[in-house]
Structures are given as C-alpha cells and as structure tokens.
N, C-alpha and C. Protein backbone atom coordinates (compact mmCIF):
# COMPACT_ATOMS: atom_id res chain seq x y z
N MET A 1 112.51 -49.43 79.79
CA MET A 1 111.90 -50.32 80.10
C MET A 1 112.39 -51.50 80.48
N THR A 2 112.69 -51.86 81.94
CA THR A 2 113.12 -53.18 81.99
C THR A 2 112.58 -54.29 81.69
N ASN A 3 113.13 -55.35 81.46
CA ASN A 3 112.77 -56.68 80.50
C ASN A 3 112.53 -57.47 81.99
N PRO A 4 111.41 -57.69 82.19
CA PRO A 4 111.17 -58.69 83.22
C PRO A 4 111.94 -60.01 83.69
N ALA A 5 112.02 -60.88 81.77
CA ALA A 5 112.93 -62.01 82.57
C ALA A 5 114.62 -61.20 82.58
N ASN A 6 115.10 -60.26 82.50
CA ASN A 6 116.58 -59.92 82.62
C ASN A 6 115.72 -58.72 83.47
N PRO A 7 115.79 -58.61 84.88
CA PRO A 7 116.00 -57.65 85.74
C PRO A 7 116.62 -57.06 85.74
N LYS A 8 117.10 -55.50 86.18
CA LYS A 8 118.23 -54.59 86.31
C LYS A 8 117.82 -54.26 87.34
N PHE A 9 119.09 -54.04 88.21
CA PHE A 9 119.39 -54.11 90.06
C PHE A 9 120.16 -52.71 89.89
N ILE A 10 119.64 -51.42 91.01
CA ILE A 10 120.78 -51.03 91.68
C ILE A 10 121.20 -51.25 92.53
N THR A 11 122.03 -50.47 92.91
CA THR A 11 122.98 -51.20 93.93
C THR A 11 123.00 -49.91 95.33
N VAL A 12 122.34 -50.33 96.61
CA VAL A 12 122.06 -48.98 97.30
C VAL A 12 123.32 -49.16 98.60
N ALA A 13 124.20 -50.35 98.55
CA ALA A 13 124.94 -50.80 99.59
C ALA A 13 126.35 -52.08 99.79
N ARG A 14 127.04 -51.91 100.08
CA ARG A 14 127.75 -52.98 100.01
C ARG A 14 128.38 -53.70 101.61
N ILE A 15 128.10 -54.44 101.69
CA ILE A 15 128.12 -55.17 102.92
C ILE A 15 129.78 -55.34 103.38
N LEU A 16 130.17 -54.59 104.35
CA LEU A 16 131.29 -54.57 105.20
C LEU A 16 131.63 -55.96 105.99
N ARG A 17 130.85 -56.35 106.93
CA ARG A 17 131.03 -57.24 108.34
C ARG A 17 129.81 -57.52 108.97
N ALA A 18 130.02 -58.36 109.84
CA ALA A 18 129.28 -59.15 110.21
C ALA A 18 129.23 -57.76 111.35
N ARG A 19 127.89 -57.66 112.07
CA ARG A 19 127.99 -56.24 113.67
C ARG A 19 126.78 -56.60 114.66
N GLY A 20 127.61 -57.34 115.53
CA GLY A 20 126.05 -57.61 116.99
C GLY A 20 126.15 -59.35 116.84
N ASN A 21 125.88 -60.08 117.34
CA ASN A 21 125.65 -61.51 117.57
C ASN A 21 124.50 -61.61 116.97
N LYS A 22 123.53 -61.55 116.57
CA LYS A 22 122.20 -61.42 116.09
C LYS A 22 122.41 -61.76 114.64
N GLY A 23 123.37 -61.85 114.22
CA GLY A 23 123.30 -61.52 112.74
C GLY A 23 123.32 -60.15 111.81
N GLU A 24 123.17 -59.36 112.31
CA GLU A 24 123.23 -58.04 112.04
C GLU A 24 124.09 -57.79 110.87
N ILE A 25 124.19 -56.85 109.94
CA ILE A 25 125.31 -56.67 109.40
C ILE A 25 125.93 -55.27 108.64
N ALA A 26 127.16 -54.47 108.75
CA ALA A 26 127.65 -53.76 109.09
C ALA A 26 127.08 -52.96 107.04
N ALA A 27 126.69 -52.07 107.08
CA ALA A 27 127.10 -51.89 105.19
C ALA A 27 127.48 -50.64 104.78
N GLU A 28 128.70 -49.78 103.91
CA GLU A 28 128.51 -48.72 103.02
C GLU A 28 126.67 -48.36 102.35
N LEU A 29 126.18 -47.41 102.83
CA LEU A 29 125.57 -46.89 101.62
C LEU A 29 126.03 -46.12 100.69
N PHE A 30 124.92 -46.63 99.74
CA PHE A 30 125.86 -45.36 98.54
C PHE A 30 124.38 -44.99 97.38
N THR A 31 123.43 -44.61 98.93
CA THR A 31 122.09 -44.20 98.59
C THR A 31 122.43 -42.82 99.83
N ASP A 32 121.44 -41.84 98.56
CA ASP A 32 121.24 -40.85 99.10
C ASP A 32 119.95 -40.68 100.29
N PHE A 33 118.71 -41.48 99.79
CA PHE A 33 117.84 -41.64 100.53
C PHE A 33 118.15 -43.24 101.79
N PRO A 34 118.44 -43.77 102.15
CA PRO A 34 118.83 -44.27 102.96
C PRO A 34 117.42 -44.78 103.94
N ASP A 35 116.29 -43.81 104.55
CA ASP A 35 115.21 -43.74 105.06
C ASP A 35 114.41 -44.83 104.17
N ARG A 36 114.55 -44.81 103.43
CA ARG A 36 113.20 -45.84 102.72
C ARG A 36 113.85 -47.31 102.68
N LEU A 37 114.85 -47.34 103.35
CA LEU A 37 115.37 -48.74 102.92
C LEU A 37 114.25 -49.71 104.19
N LYS A 38 113.80 -48.41 104.95
CA LYS A 38 113.44 -49.54 106.12
C LYS A 38 112.02 -50.04 105.39
N GLU A 39 111.09 -49.40 104.88
CA GLU A 39 110.02 -49.62 104.62
C GLU A 39 110.34 -50.80 103.35
N LEU A 40 111.53 -51.35 103.03
CA LEU A 40 111.61 -52.29 102.14
C LEU A 40 111.28 -53.75 103.10
N ARG A 41 110.68 -54.71 102.22
CA ARG A 41 110.81 -56.46 102.91
C ARG A 41 111.52 -57.16 102.13
N GLU A 42 111.79 -56.95 100.68
CA GLU A 42 112.43 -57.99 99.88
C GLU A 42 113.79 -57.01 99.47
N ILE A 43 115.05 -57.44 99.11
CA ILE A 43 116.06 -56.96 98.72
C ILE A 43 116.63 -58.03 97.78
N PHE A 44 117.86 -57.51 97.30
CA PHE A 44 118.76 -58.63 96.70
C PHE A 44 120.26 -58.82 97.19
N LEU A 45 120.57 -59.77 97.11
CA LEU A 45 122.42 -59.87 97.20
C LEU A 45 122.79 -60.29 96.01
N ALA A 46 124.03 -59.42 95.78
CA ALA A 46 124.89 -59.76 94.63
C ALA A 46 125.97 -59.72 94.96
N ASP A 47 126.81 -60.65 93.78
CA ASP A 47 128.02 -60.77 94.41
C ASP A 47 128.97 -60.46 92.98
N GLY A 48 127.95 -60.06 91.83
CA GLY A 48 128.68 -59.32 90.60
C GLY A 48 128.83 -60.75 90.09
N LYS A 49 128.84 -61.56 90.04
CA LYS A 49 129.06 -63.06 89.01
C LYS A 49 127.53 -63.34 89.11
N SER A 50 126.61 -63.44 89.57
CA SER A 50 125.56 -64.54 88.99
C SER A 50 123.90 -63.23 89.36
N THR A 51 123.12 -64.33 89.29
CA THR A 51 121.58 -63.11 89.08
C THR A 51 121.54 -63.09 90.94
N PRO A 52 121.19 -61.70 91.23
CA PRO A 52 120.96 -61.26 92.87
C PRO A 52 119.90 -62.08 93.21
N ARG A 53 120.18 -62.41 94.13
CA ARG A 53 119.48 -63.54 94.80
C ARG A 53 118.69 -62.85 95.85
N SER A 54 117.36 -63.12 96.10
CA SER A 54 115.66 -62.42 96.65
C SER A 54 116.23 -63.09 98.69
N VAL A 55 116.48 -62.08 99.47
CA VAL A 55 116.24 -61.70 100.86
C VAL A 55 115.52 -60.96 101.11
N SER A 56 114.65 -61.02 102.41
CA SER A 56 113.99 -61.07 102.91
C SER A 56 114.77 -59.89 104.03
N LEU A 57 114.19 -59.07 104.35
CA LEU A 57 114.78 -57.59 105.36
C LEU A 57 113.62 -57.84 106.57
N LYS A 58 114.25 -57.81 107.07
CA LYS A 58 113.94 -57.79 109.09
C LYS A 58 113.78 -56.31 109.62
N THR A 59 115.43 -56.10 109.51
CA THR A 59 114.80 -54.67 110.13
C THR A 59 116.36 -53.79 109.33
N PHE A 60 116.71 -52.54 109.64
CA PHE A 60 117.54 -51.39 108.68
C PHE A 60 117.31 -50.39 109.88
N TRP A 61 118.55 -49.66 109.83
CA TRP A 61 118.35 -48.29 110.35
C TRP A 61 119.90 -47.34 110.43
N ALA A 62 119.37 -46.36 109.76
CA ALA A 62 120.81 -46.07 109.34
C ALA A 62 121.87 -45.72 110.95
N ASP A 63 123.08 -45.90 110.49
CA ASP A 63 123.87 -45.34 112.11
C ASP A 63 123.83 -43.75 111.86
N ARG A 64 123.54 -43.66 113.35
CA ARG A 64 124.18 -42.56 113.68
C ARG A 64 125.14 -41.80 113.40
N ASN A 65 125.75 -42.86 114.59
CA ASN A 65 127.17 -41.95 114.52
C ASN A 65 128.13 -42.42 114.18
N HIS A 66 127.48 -43.11 113.07
CA HIS A 66 128.59 -42.74 111.74
C HIS A 66 128.30 -42.78 110.45
N PRO A 67 127.95 -41.36 110.13
CA PRO A 67 127.20 -40.85 108.37
C PRO A 67 127.54 -41.91 107.05
N GLY A 68 126.82 -42.31 106.59
CA GLY A 68 126.85 -43.31 105.15
C GLY A 68 126.70 -44.51 105.56
N PHE A 69 126.49 -44.88 106.63
CA PHE A 69 126.65 -46.37 107.23
C PHE A 69 125.10 -47.03 107.50
N GLY A 70 125.26 -47.69 107.18
CA GLY A 70 123.57 -48.54 108.13
C GLY A 70 123.38 -49.92 108.76
N VAL A 71 122.41 -50.16 109.26
CA VAL A 71 122.70 -51.92 110.10
C VAL A 71 121.17 -52.46 109.39
N PHE A 72 121.91 -54.07 108.54
CA PHE A 72 120.49 -54.57 107.78
C PHE A 72 120.75 -55.72 108.95
N HIS A 73 119.43 -56.99 109.13
CA HIS A 73 119.44 -57.60 109.42
C HIS A 73 118.25 -58.55 108.43
N PHE A 74 119.36 -59.43 108.31
CA PHE A 74 117.69 -60.08 106.60
C PHE A 74 118.13 -61.69 107.95
N GLU A 75 115.97 -62.01 107.43
CA GLU A 75 115.46 -63.25 108.20
C GLU A 75 116.71 -64.66 107.47
N GLY A 76 116.42 -65.33 108.27
CA GLY A 76 117.28 -66.87 108.12
C GLY A 76 118.68 -66.59 108.56
N ILE A 77 119.65 -65.13 108.49
CA ILE A 77 120.93 -64.98 109.22
C ILE A 77 120.63 -64.57 110.55
N THR A 78 120.84 -65.61 111.64
CA THR A 78 121.03 -65.32 112.79
C THR A 78 122.33 -65.22 113.63
N SER A 79 123.43 -65.72 113.06
CA SER A 79 124.96 -65.82 114.13
C SER A 79 125.86 -64.80 113.26
N ILE A 80 126.69 -64.09 114.17
CA ILE A 80 127.58 -63.78 113.17
C ILE A 80 128.58 -64.64 112.60
N ASN A 81 128.32 -66.23 112.34
CA ASN A 81 129.01 -66.84 111.55
C ASN A 81 128.58 -66.64 110.10
N GLU A 82 126.69 -66.80 109.58
CA GLU A 82 126.42 -66.15 109.10
C GLU A 82 126.49 -65.15 108.30
N ALA A 83 126.47 -63.85 108.96
CA ALA A 83 126.70 -62.94 109.09
C ALA A 83 127.98 -62.43 108.10
N GLU A 84 129.16 -63.35 108.61
CA GLU A 84 130.50 -63.07 108.10
C GLU A 84 130.52 -63.23 106.35
N LYS A 85 129.52 -64.68 106.07
CA LYS A 85 129.73 -65.34 105.10
C LYS A 85 128.85 -64.34 104.00
N LEU A 86 128.53 -63.36 104.44
CA LEU A 86 127.91 -62.07 103.57
C LEU A 86 129.10 -60.89 103.16
N ARG A 87 129.79 -61.06 103.56
CA ARG A 87 130.59 -59.78 103.96
C ARG A 87 131.10 -59.87 101.97
N GLY A 88 131.05 -58.30 101.45
CA GLY A 88 131.71 -57.72 100.34
C GLY A 88 130.03 -58.61 99.24
N LEU A 89 129.20 -58.67 100.02
CA LEU A 89 128.11 -58.56 98.75
C LEU A 89 127.92 -57.08 98.05
N GLU A 90 126.61 -57.49 97.64
CA GLU A 90 126.23 -55.83 97.28
C GLU A 90 124.94 -56.08 97.51
N ILE A 91 124.25 -55.51 98.30
CA ILE A 91 122.94 -54.69 98.71
C ILE A 91 122.58 -53.96 97.57
N GLN A 92 120.45 -54.84 96.84
CA GLN A 92 120.61 -54.05 95.46
C GLN A 92 119.01 -54.67 95.44
N ILE A 93 118.52 -53.22 94.74
CA ILE A 93 117.03 -53.26 94.64
C ILE A 93 116.37 -53.25 93.25
N PRO A 94 115.12 -53.51 92.54
CA PRO A 94 115.44 -53.29 91.64
C PRO A 94 114.95 -51.90 90.84
N PHE A 95 115.49 -51.37 90.06
CA PHE A 95 115.62 -49.92 89.22
C PHE A 95 114.54 -49.86 89.70
N GLU A 96 113.42 -50.02 88.71
CA GLU A 96 111.94 -49.85 88.74
C GLU A 96 111.66 -49.24 90.55
N GLN A 97 113.05 -49.12 91.53
CA GLN A 97 111.95 -49.14 93.17
C GLN A 97 112.69 -47.73 93.23
N ARG A 98 113.60 -47.16 92.61
CA ARG A 98 114.67 -46.14 92.72
C ARG A 98 113.60 -45.20 92.68
N VAL A 99 114.03 -43.99 93.62
CA VAL A 99 113.53 -43.08 93.91
C VAL A 99 113.37 -41.78 92.78
N SER A 100 112.10 -41.48 92.97
CA SER A 100 112.45 -40.61 91.72
C SER A 100 112.34 -39.18 92.15
N LEU A 101 113.53 -39.05 91.15
CA LEU A 101 113.89 -37.07 91.98
C LEU A 101 113.60 -36.38 91.24
N PRO A 102 113.36 -34.87 91.38
CA PRO A 102 112.72 -33.97 90.87
C PRO A 102 113.54 -33.33 89.70
N ALA A 103 112.79 -32.69 89.14
CA ALA A 103 112.97 -32.12 87.79
C ALA A 103 114.42 -31.10 88.10
N GLY A 104 115.11 -31.56 87.36
CA GLY A 104 117.23 -30.70 87.42
C GLY A 104 118.23 -31.37 88.70
N LYS A 105 117.45 -32.82 88.99
CA LYS A 105 118.37 -34.00 89.67
C LYS A 105 118.27 -35.27 88.84
N TYR A 106 119.50 -35.65 89.28
CA TYR A 106 120.15 -36.84 88.11
C TYR A 106 120.99 -37.98 88.69
N PHE A 107 120.19 -38.99 88.37
CA PHE A 107 121.46 -40.03 89.27
C PHE A 107 122.43 -40.53 88.60
N VAL A 108 123.86 -40.20 89.56
CA VAL A 108 124.89 -40.41 88.83
C VAL A 108 124.94 -41.29 87.57
N THR A 109 124.57 -42.50 87.42
CA THR A 109 124.82 -43.61 86.69
C THR A 109 123.86 -43.01 85.80
N ASP A 110 122.70 -42.48 85.86
CA ASP A 110 122.62 -42.19 84.88
C ASP A 110 123.02 -40.99 83.16
N LEU A 111 124.04 -40.58 84.65
CA LEU A 111 124.97 -39.14 83.32
C LEU A 111 126.12 -39.82 83.01
N ILE A 112 126.29 -40.93 83.50
CA ILE A 112 128.23 -42.13 83.32
C ILE A 112 127.52 -42.00 81.96
N GLY A 113 128.31 -41.92 81.27
CA GLY A 113 128.13 -42.73 79.69
C GLY A 113 127.34 -41.78 78.62
N CYS A 114 127.02 -41.05 78.89
CA CYS A 114 126.17 -39.74 78.41
C CYS A 114 127.02 -39.20 77.18
N SER A 115 127.09 -38.86 76.28
CA SER A 115 127.73 -37.72 75.17
C SER A 115 127.64 -36.88 75.13
N VAL A 116 128.74 -35.38 75.56
CA VAL A 116 128.29 -34.62 75.29
C VAL A 116 128.49 -33.88 74.17
N PHE A 117 127.87 -33.17 73.98
CA PHE A 117 127.33 -32.23 72.76
C PHE A 117 128.27 -30.40 73.31
N GLU A 118 128.51 -29.84 72.17
CA GLU A 118 128.72 -28.79 71.96
C GLU A 118 128.23 -28.28 70.92
N GLY A 119 127.23 -27.74 70.20
CA GLY A 119 126.01 -27.76 69.66
C GLY A 119 126.70 -28.50 68.84
N PRO A 120 126.62 -29.09 67.65
CA PRO A 120 126.62 -30.18 66.62
C PRO A 120 128.18 -31.20 66.73
N GLN A 121 128.79 -30.62 67.39
CA GLN A 121 129.98 -31.33 67.90
C GLN A 121 129.94 -32.31 69.27
N LYS A 122 130.64 -33.45 68.98
CA LYS A 122 130.45 -34.74 70.04
C LYS A 122 131.79 -34.08 70.44
N LEU A 123 131.87 -33.98 72.21
CA LEU A 123 132.74 -33.92 73.08
C LEU A 123 133.89 -34.74 73.12
N GLY A 124 132.60 -35.89 74.02
CA GLY A 124 133.72 -36.57 74.68
C GLY A 124 132.55 -37.36 75.04
N ALA A 125 132.32 -38.29 76.27
CA ALA A 125 131.50 -38.95 76.85
C ALA A 125 131.75 -39.01 78.79
N VAL A 126 130.79 -38.81 79.63
CA VAL A 126 130.78 -38.48 80.46
C VAL A 126 131.73 -40.20 81.17
N ARG A 127 132.68 -39.39 82.34
CA ARG A 127 133.18 -41.21 82.69
C ARG A 127 132.74 -41.27 83.92
N ASP A 128 133.12 -39.79 85.16
CA ASP A 128 132.18 -39.85 86.20
C ASP A 128 132.26 -38.65 86.14
N VAL A 129 131.51 -38.37 87.75
CA VAL A 129 131.15 -37.13 88.21
C VAL A 129 131.54 -36.48 89.68
N PHE A 130 132.43 -35.41 90.05
CA PHE A 130 132.99 -35.28 91.17
C PHE A 130 132.05 -34.59 91.66
N PHE A 131 131.71 -34.59 93.20
CA PHE A 131 131.31 -33.61 93.83
C PHE A 131 132.17 -32.94 94.81
N PRO A 132 131.92 -31.60 95.65
CA PRO A 132 132.48 -30.94 96.29
C PRO A 132 132.55 -31.49 97.84
N GLY A 133 133.11 -31.53 98.30
CA GLY A 133 132.99 -32.36 100.04
C GLY A 133 132.08 -31.94 100.96
N GLU A 134 131.94 -32.14 102.00
CA GLU A 134 130.64 -32.17 102.61
C GLU A 134 130.33 -30.97 102.93
N SER A 135 131.73 -30.33 103.34
CA SER A 135 131.69 -28.88 104.28
C SER A 135 132.01 -27.63 103.43
N GLN A 136 132.45 -28.20 102.23
CA GLN A 136 132.24 -27.56 101.18
C GLN A 136 131.47 -27.16 100.02
N PRO A 137 131.15 -25.80 99.95
CA PRO A 137 129.64 -25.51 98.71
C PRO A 137 130.65 -25.80 97.20
N GLY A 138 129.34 -26.09 96.53
CA GLY A 138 130.58 -26.21 94.93
C GLY A 138 129.45 -26.91 94.04
N THR A 139 130.00 -26.74 92.66
CA THR A 139 129.65 -27.70 91.90
C THR A 139 129.33 -28.45 91.48
N PRO A 140 128.96 -30.31 91.33
CA PRO A 140 129.55 -31.30 91.04
C PRO A 140 130.24 -31.04 89.57
N LEU A 141 131.04 -31.24 89.28
CA LEU A 141 131.42 -31.83 88.11
C LEU A 141 131.65 -32.84 87.06
N LEU A 142 131.60 -32.86 85.83
CA LEU A 142 131.21 -33.93 84.89
C LEU A 142 132.56 -34.19 84.19
N ALA A 143 133.07 -34.99 84.48
CA ALA A 143 134.36 -35.51 84.14
C ALA A 143 134.63 -36.46 82.81
N VAL A 144 134.62 -35.48 81.56
CA VAL A 144 134.35 -36.15 80.80
C VAL A 144 135.70 -36.33 79.65
N ASN A 145 135.83 -37.57 78.98
CA ASN A 145 136.39 -38.44 78.14
C ASN A 145 136.84 -37.18 76.88
N ILE A 146 137.36 -37.08 76.49
CA ILE A 146 137.85 -36.09 75.36
C ILE A 146 139.04 -36.49 74.71
N SER A 147 139.42 -36.20 73.41
CA SER A 147 140.06 -36.50 72.34
C SER A 147 141.61 -36.82 73.01
N SER A 148 141.84 -35.26 73.84
CA SER A 148 142.98 -34.36 74.13
C SER A 148 143.44 -34.99 75.21
N GLY A 149 141.98 -35.92 76.43
CA GLY A 149 142.63 -36.47 77.89
C GLY A 149 141.28 -36.29 78.50
N GLU A 150 140.81 -35.52 79.77
CA GLU A 150 139.87 -35.21 79.91
C GLU A 150 139.31 -33.52 80.51
N LEU A 151 138.43 -33.71 80.33
CA LEU A 151 137.56 -32.21 80.39
C LEU A 151 136.55 -32.56 81.77
N LEU A 152 137.01 -30.96 82.34
CA LEU A 152 135.73 -31.09 83.91
C LEU A 152 135.18 -30.20 83.28
N ILE A 153 133.90 -30.05 83.55
CA ILE A 153 132.55 -29.49 83.41
C ILE A 153 131.78 -29.75 84.06
N PRO A 154 131.54 -27.45 84.87
CA PRO A 154 130.60 -27.74 85.89
C PRO A 154 128.88 -28.39 85.38
N LEU A 155 128.26 -29.24 86.17
CA LEU A 155 127.33 -29.20 85.85
C LEU A 155 125.83 -28.27 86.59
N ALA A 156 126.34 -27.37 85.94
CA ALA A 156 125.59 -25.93 86.31
C ALA A 156 124.59 -25.75 85.14
N GLU A 157 123.19 -24.97 85.70
CA GLU A 157 122.29 -25.01 84.86
C GLU A 157 122.79 -23.88 83.42
N ASP A 158 123.13 -23.43 83.55
CA ASP A 158 124.18 -21.76 82.44
C ASP A 158 125.23 -22.63 81.11
N ILE A 159 125.76 -23.86 81.85
CA ILE A 159 126.58 -24.86 80.94
C ILE A 159 126.13 -25.88 80.11
N CYS A 160 125.35 -26.31 81.11
CA CYS A 160 124.73 -27.78 80.60
C CYS A 160 123.33 -27.30 80.53
N THR A 161 123.57 -27.12 79.05
CA THR A 161 121.97 -26.63 78.96
C THR A 161 120.85 -27.14 78.79
N ARG A 162 121.32 -28.94 78.39
CA ARG A 162 120.10 -29.47 78.23
C ARG A 162 120.46 -31.00 78.64
N ILE A 163 120.04 -31.99 79.57
CA ILE A 163 120.17 -33.02 79.71
C ILE A 163 119.12 -33.85 79.65
N ASP A 164 119.48 -34.95 77.95
CA ASP A 164 118.95 -35.99 78.66
C ASP A 164 118.92 -37.64 78.74
N THR A 165 118.75 -37.96 80.30
CA THR A 165 119.78 -39.09 80.12
C THR A 165 118.69 -40.00 79.21
N ALA A 166 117.64 -40.05 79.06
CA ALA A 166 117.54 -41.35 78.47
C ALA A 166 117.66 -41.62 77.01
N ALA A 167 117.85 -40.22 76.30
CA ALA A 167 118.38 -40.36 74.60
C ALA A 167 120.04 -40.20 74.94
N ARG A 168 120.52 -40.10 76.57
CA ARG A 168 121.95 -40.43 76.75
C ARG A 168 123.27 -39.46 76.53
N ARG A 169 122.45 -37.95 76.03
CA ARG A 169 122.78 -36.84 75.44
C ARG A 169 122.83 -35.62 76.92
N ILE A 170 123.94 -34.60 76.66
CA ILE A 170 123.91 -33.55 77.38
C ILE A 170 124.29 -32.84 76.45
N GLU A 171 123.82 -30.90 76.65
CA GLU A 171 124.34 -30.13 75.63
C GLU A 171 124.52 -29.20 76.12
N VAL A 172 125.65 -28.74 75.99
CA VAL A 172 126.27 -27.56 76.95
C VAL A 172 127.29 -26.49 75.69
N LEU A 173 127.11 -25.83 76.52
CA LEU A 173 127.72 -24.16 76.28
C LEU A 173 128.85 -23.94 77.00
N LEU A 174 129.71 -23.44 76.72
CA LEU A 174 130.78 -24.15 77.64
C LEU A 174 131.34 -22.10 77.34
N PRO A 175 131.82 -21.83 78.72
CA PRO A 175 132.57 -20.65 78.77
C PRO A 175 133.56 -20.38 78.23
N GLU A 176 133.96 -19.29 77.69
CA GLU A 176 135.01 -18.88 77.06
C GLU A 176 136.56 -19.42 77.44
N GLY A 177 137.48 -20.54 77.85
CA GLY A 177 138.46 -20.73 78.31
C GLY A 177 138.22 -22.15 78.84
N LEU A 178 137.36 -22.80 78.96
CA LEU A 178 136.90 -23.82 80.10
C LEU A 178 137.36 -25.00 78.73
N ARG A 179 137.11 -24.99 77.52
CA ARG A 179 137.11 -26.55 76.85
C ARG A 179 139.00 -26.39 76.72
N ASP A 180 139.56 -25.30 76.50
CA ASP A 180 140.84 -25.00 76.22
C ASP A 180 141.83 -23.89 77.67
N PRO A 181 141.94 -24.45 78.41
CA PRO A 181 142.60 -23.89 79.34
C PRO A 181 144.26 -22.97 78.94
N ASP A 182 144.73 -23.53 77.79
CA ASP A 182 146.00 -22.72 77.89
C ASP A 182 145.80 -21.65 77.15
N LYS A 183 144.79 -21.25 76.35
CA LYS A 183 144.21 -19.93 75.82
C LYS A 183 143.99 -19.05 75.85
N ALA A 184 143.23 -19.42 78.19
CA ALA A 184 142.43 -17.97 77.88
C ALA A 184 143.87 -17.22 78.80
N GLU A 185 143.68 -16.37 78.62
CA GLU A 185 144.67 -15.53 79.09
C GLU A 185 143.69 -14.35 80.49
C-alpha cells in the first residue's frame, strides 16, 4: 500500500515537444492502455528531481498516425512557448490509478527486481524484460542477472511456475540446457 504522505507515481508518457499553436504537447506513451488517459482530469508532471506537480488535463488523444504517441493539452498552457518549457518532463499518474491486469499478466515494473529461484536455489534477480517485435510472435524474456552474467528466461507458464510480485519472487523450472547452454548437446 502506498503511504499517502509519500505517494508513488508511475510514468505513462514523456513529453517530446510542443505540437500545434494552442499549447498542446506531443508525448511518447509508455502505457498499453492509452485510451484510459482520456478519462483523467488530473495528471502529474515530473522532472525526476522534485515531487511531481499536479496539472489539470483538458484533453488527450492517441495519435493515429504515429502509434505509441499521444497529444496532451493541459489547463493554463496556451502557447507554443509555454508548451516547450515542458519538454522532457514525465507524465505520471498515482500508482493506485494504474489498470488492474487479468491473472497471468504483469507490469514490467513489478517484475524488475524480483528474485528468481529454481527450487531452493536463488539464481539472481530480474534486470529487464524483453519483448518480441510487433510483427513477430514470441514469448517475452526475463533478463536475469546471475553470478556468471545474464540468463534469459522465457516468461512462459511451464517455465515460470509461480510469480508472486508482492513477495518479489519468481519460481522457475528451467528446461535442460537453458541455464548452461554450453553443456547442452
């Protein structure tokens, strides 16, 4: 649970530049659920140094011509010059407002940092999650820092047998040859 005195935020976009002449901004989206941003009236702007500041959202729309990008217009920002001052800021929402995912689906931020165990043995911790390309089918891969370097583990139910993000723990059953490919024949 988030402490209200020290709220946590998640970044849903990063401001790239001014767009148009009425103070709109173009942003790179970091959410798989951009349509829900239309419903929000308050979002937060963060520079990474100080506490995110609240701003009122007038409008938002996903850019149909540029997938992965959106256009925001904030109350009080009415010119290109004012919009340009926002370049590089992160657009955030409170942690509690993020979308609820169905069972078996996870936020990347919840997986990063989880300890990975095979039986009682700790293999390492998740450093990153890699996804196949948009037009390529495939299973995401957990990049796990281990003592000998990095191990890529498919995020598949038969390999990642238990994922408990609250406990920061992932239990795996690695197929032969996955942990030490040099020994596989």
